Amino acid sequence: MVKLLWLISAKDDLKDIYDFIAADSTKYARHQIKQIRQRANVLKSNAYAGKIVREYDSDSIREIVIGHYRIIYRVINDKLIHIILIHHGARRFPRLLK
């Protein structure tokens, strides 16, 4: 099974998502974060479940989608995935992934 490592950037994104939604509903904010985390967990059994991120065209940088959110991740090897960022589709995509 593959280990998921949530990078600080992705954790910050989750916090921002939570804070934004919680302004209206803490219950829905918790639900949304739970859904994002559960969706990411599919990668534990299939690292290449997501599609290649079109902005980067690299086989190792991939995404899975839940609702309006894109979970961007990098396959490091067959044992490790870095969750890089959580991106809302209505926002401008960041220029550079480190």
C-alpha atoms as a PDB file:
ATOM      1  CA  MET A   1       0.000   0.000   0.000  1.00  0.00           C
ATOM      2  CA  VAL A   2       1.157   3.493  -0.865  1.00  0.00           C
ATOM      3  CA  LYS A   3       1.710   6.101   1.868  1.00  0.00           C
ATOM      4  CA  LEU A   4       0.130   9.527   1.376  1.00  0.00           C
ATOM      5  CA  LEU A   5       2.141  12.462   2.654  1.00  0.00           C
ATOM      6  CA  TRP A   6       0.123  15.680   2.831  1.00  0.00           C
ATOM      7  CA  LEU A   7       2.560  18.533   2.192  1.00  0.00           C
ATOM      8  CA  ILE A   8       2.201  21.770   4.150  1.00  0.00           C
ATOM      9  CA  SER A   9       0.804  23.477   1.052  1.00  0.00           C
ATOM     10  CA  ALA A  10      -2.034  20.923   0.852  1.00  0.00           C
ATOM     11  CA  LYS A  11      -2.705  21.155   4.590  1.00  0.00           C
ATOM     12  CA  ASP A  12      -2.891  24.937   4.254  1.00  0.00           C
ATOM     13  CA  ASP A  13      -5.342  24.517   1.375  1.00  0.00           C
ATOM     14  CA  LEU A  14      -7.544  22.267   3.526  1.00  0.00           C
ATOM     15  CA  LYS A  15      -7.501  24.856   6.302  1.00  0.00           C
ATOM     16  CA  ASP A  16      -8.411  27.638   3.867  1.00  0.00           C
ATOM     17  CA  ILE A  17     -11.243  25.553   2.416  1.00  0.00           C
ATOM     18  CA  TYR A  18     -12.518  24.771   5.900  1.00  0.00           C
ATOM     19  CA  ASP A  19     -12.345  28.413   7.007  1.00  0.00           C
ATOM     20  CA  PHE A  20     -14.138  29.644   3.891  1.00  0.00           C
ATOM     21  CA  ILE A  21     -16.990  27.141   4.147  1.00  0.00           C
ATOM     22  CA  ALA A  22     -17.190  27.394   7.958  1.00  0.00           C
ATOM     23  CA  ALA A  23     -18.074  31.065   7.650  1.00  0.00           C
ATOM     24  CA  ASP A  24     -21.510  29.746   6.620  1.00  0.00           C
ATOM     25  CA  SER A  25     -21.560  26.237   8.097  1.00  0.00           C
ATOM     26  CA  THR A  26     -19.006  24.434  10.247  1.00  0.00           C
ATOM     27  CA  LYS A  27     -20.936  21.212   9.731  1.00  0.00           C
ATOM     28  CA  TYR A  28     -20.623  21.409   5.941  1.00  0.00           C
ATOM     29  CA  ALA A  29     -16.982  22.548   6.233  1.00  0.00           C
ATOM     30  CA  ARG A  30     -16.124  19.398   8.224  1.00  0.00           C
ATOM     31  CA  HIS A  31     -18.060  17.288   5.727  1.00  0.00           C
ATOM     32  CA  GLN A  32     -16.208  18.794   2.748  1.00  0.00           C
ATOM     33  CA  ILE A  33     -12.772  18.225   4.298  1.00  0.00           C
ATOM     34  CA  LYS A  34     -13.728  14.647   5.163  1.00  0.00           C
ATOM     35  CA  GLN A  35     -14.852  14.055   1.571  1.00  0.00           C
ATOM     36  CA  ILE A  36     -11.593  15.421   0.153  1.00  0.00           C
ATOM     37  CA  ARG A  37      -9.513  13.222   2.482  1.00  0.00           C
ATOM     38  CA  GLN A  38     -11.590  10.131   1.668  1.00  0.00           C
ATOM     39  CA  ARG A  39     -11.250  10.760  -2.054  1.00  0.00           C
ATOM     40  CA  ALA A  40      -7.463  11.039  -1.688  1.00  0.00           C
ATOM     41  CA  ASN A  41      -7.383   7.693   0.112  1.00  0.00           C
ATOM     42  CA  VAL A  42      -8.164   5.859  -3.152  1.00  0.00           C
ATOM     43  CA  LEU A  43      -4.563   6.598  -4.099  1.00  0.00           C
ATOM     44  CA  LYS A  44      -3.345   4.229  -1.402  1.00  0.00           C
ATOM     45  CA  SER A  45      -4.383   1.288  -3.556  1.00  0.00           C
ATOM     46  CA  ASN A  46      -3.848   2.844  -6.996  1.00  0.00           C
ATOM     47  CA  ALA A  47      -1.286   5.639  -7.278  1.00  0.00           C
ATOM     48  CA  TYR A  48      -2.096   6.242 -10.932  1.00  0.00           C
ATOM     49  CA  ALA A  49      -5.864   6.470 -10.452  1.00  0.00           C
ATOM     50  CA  GLY A  50      -5.799  10.152 -11.329  1.00  0.00           C
ATOM     51  CA  LYS A  51      -5.199  11.757 -14.668  1.00  0.00           C
ATOM     52  CA  ILE A  52      -2.133  13.729 -15.675  1.00  0.00           C
ATOM     53  CA  VAL A  53      -2.392  17.421 -14.764  1.00  0.00           C
ATOM     54  CA  ARG A  54      -2.743  19.169 -18.116  1.00  0.00           C
ATOM     55  CA  GLU A  55      -0.890  22.271 -16.929  1.00  0.00           C
ATOM     56  CA  TYR A  56       2.282  20.233 -16.319  1.00  0.00           C
ATOM     57  CA  ASP A  57       2.086  17.245 -18.669  1.00  0.00           C
ATOM     58  CA  SER A  58       4.202  15.058 -16.392  1.00  0.00           C
ATOM     59  CA  ASP A  59       3.334  11.433 -15.697  1.00  0.00           C
ATOM     60  CA  SER A  60       4.251  11.850 -12.035  1.00  0.00           C
ATOM     61  CA  ILE A  61       2.045  14.918 -11.373  1.00  0.00           C
ATOM     62  CA  ARG A  62      -1.564  13.801 -11.367  1.00  0.00           C
ATOM     63  CA  GLU A  63      -4.980  14.799 -10.083  1.00  0.00           C
ATOM     64  CA  ILE A  64      -8.208  13.346  -8.849  1.00  0.00           C
ATOM     65  CA  VAL A  65     -11.365  15.397  -8.650  1.00  0.00           C
ATOM     66  CA  ILE A  66     -14.077  15.674  -6.036  1.00  0.00           C
ATOM     67  CA  GLY A  67     -16.794  18.192  -6.788  1.00  0.00           C
ATOM     68  CA  HIS A  68     -15.123  21.479  -7.687  1.00  0.00           C
ATOM     69  CA  TYR A  69     -11.813  20.503  -6.087  1.00  0.00           C
ATOM     70  CA  ARG A  70      -8.743  19.085  -7.789  1.00  0.00           C
ATOM     71  CA  ILE A  71      -6.448  17.069  -5.531  1.00  0.00           C
ATOM     72  CA  ILE A  72      -3.017  17.518  -7.101  1.00  0.00           C
ATOM     73  CA  TYR A  73      -0.403  14.939  -6.180  1.00  0.00           C
ATOM     74  CA  ARG A  74       3.007  13.667  -7.209  1.00  0.00           C
ATOM     75  CA  VAL A  75       3.879   9.991  -7.402  1.00  0.00           C
ATOM     76  CA  ILE A  76       7.308   9.774  -5.802  1.00  0.00           C
ATOM     77  CA  ASN A  77       7.650   6.001  -6.106  1.00  0.00           C
ATOM     78  CA  ASP A  78       5.554   2.854  -5.644  1.00  0.00           C
ATOM     79  CA  LYS A  79       5.495   3.441  -1.858  1.00  0.00           C
ATOM     80  CA  LEU A  80       4.999   7.220  -1.545  1.00  0.00           C
ATOM     81  CA  ILE A  81       2.707   9.946  -2.875  1.00  0.00           C
ATOM     82  CA  HIS A  82       2.936  13.629  -2.001  1.00  0.00           C
ATOM     83  CA  ILE A  83      -0.393  15.455  -1.883  1.00  0.00           C
ATOM     84  CA  ILE A  84       0.753  18.842  -3.160  1.00  0.00           C
ATOM     85  CA  LEU A  85      -2.328  21.040  -3.232  1.00  0.00           C
ATOM     86  CA  ILE A  86      -6.087  21.169  -3.264  1.00  0.00           C
ATOM     87  CA  HIS A  87      -7.277  23.515  -5.976  1.00  0.00           C
ATOM     88  CA  HIS A  88     -10.791  24.884  -6.483  1.00  0.00           C
ATOM     89  CA  GLY A  89     -11.695  24.818 -10.161  1.00  0.00           C
ATOM     90  CA  ALA A  90     -13.005  28.401 -10.130  1.00  0.00           C
ATOM     91  CA  ARG A  91      -9.631  29.760  -9.045  1.00  0.00           C
ATOM     92  CA  ARG A  92      -6.605  30.498 -11.186  1.00  0.00           C
ATOM     93  CA  PHE A  93      -4.195  27.561 -11.275  1.00  0.00           C
ATOM     94  CA  PRO A  94      -0.791  28.206  -9.622  1.00  0.00           C
ATOM     95  CA  ARG A  95       2.090  28.717 -12.037  1.00  0.00           C
ATOM     96  CA  LEU A  96       4.673  26.437 -10.536  1.00  0.00           C
ATOM     97  CA  LEU A  97       4.656  23.311  -8.453  1.00  0.00           C
ATOM     98  CA  LYS A  98       7.808  22.723  -6.461  1.00  0.00           C
END
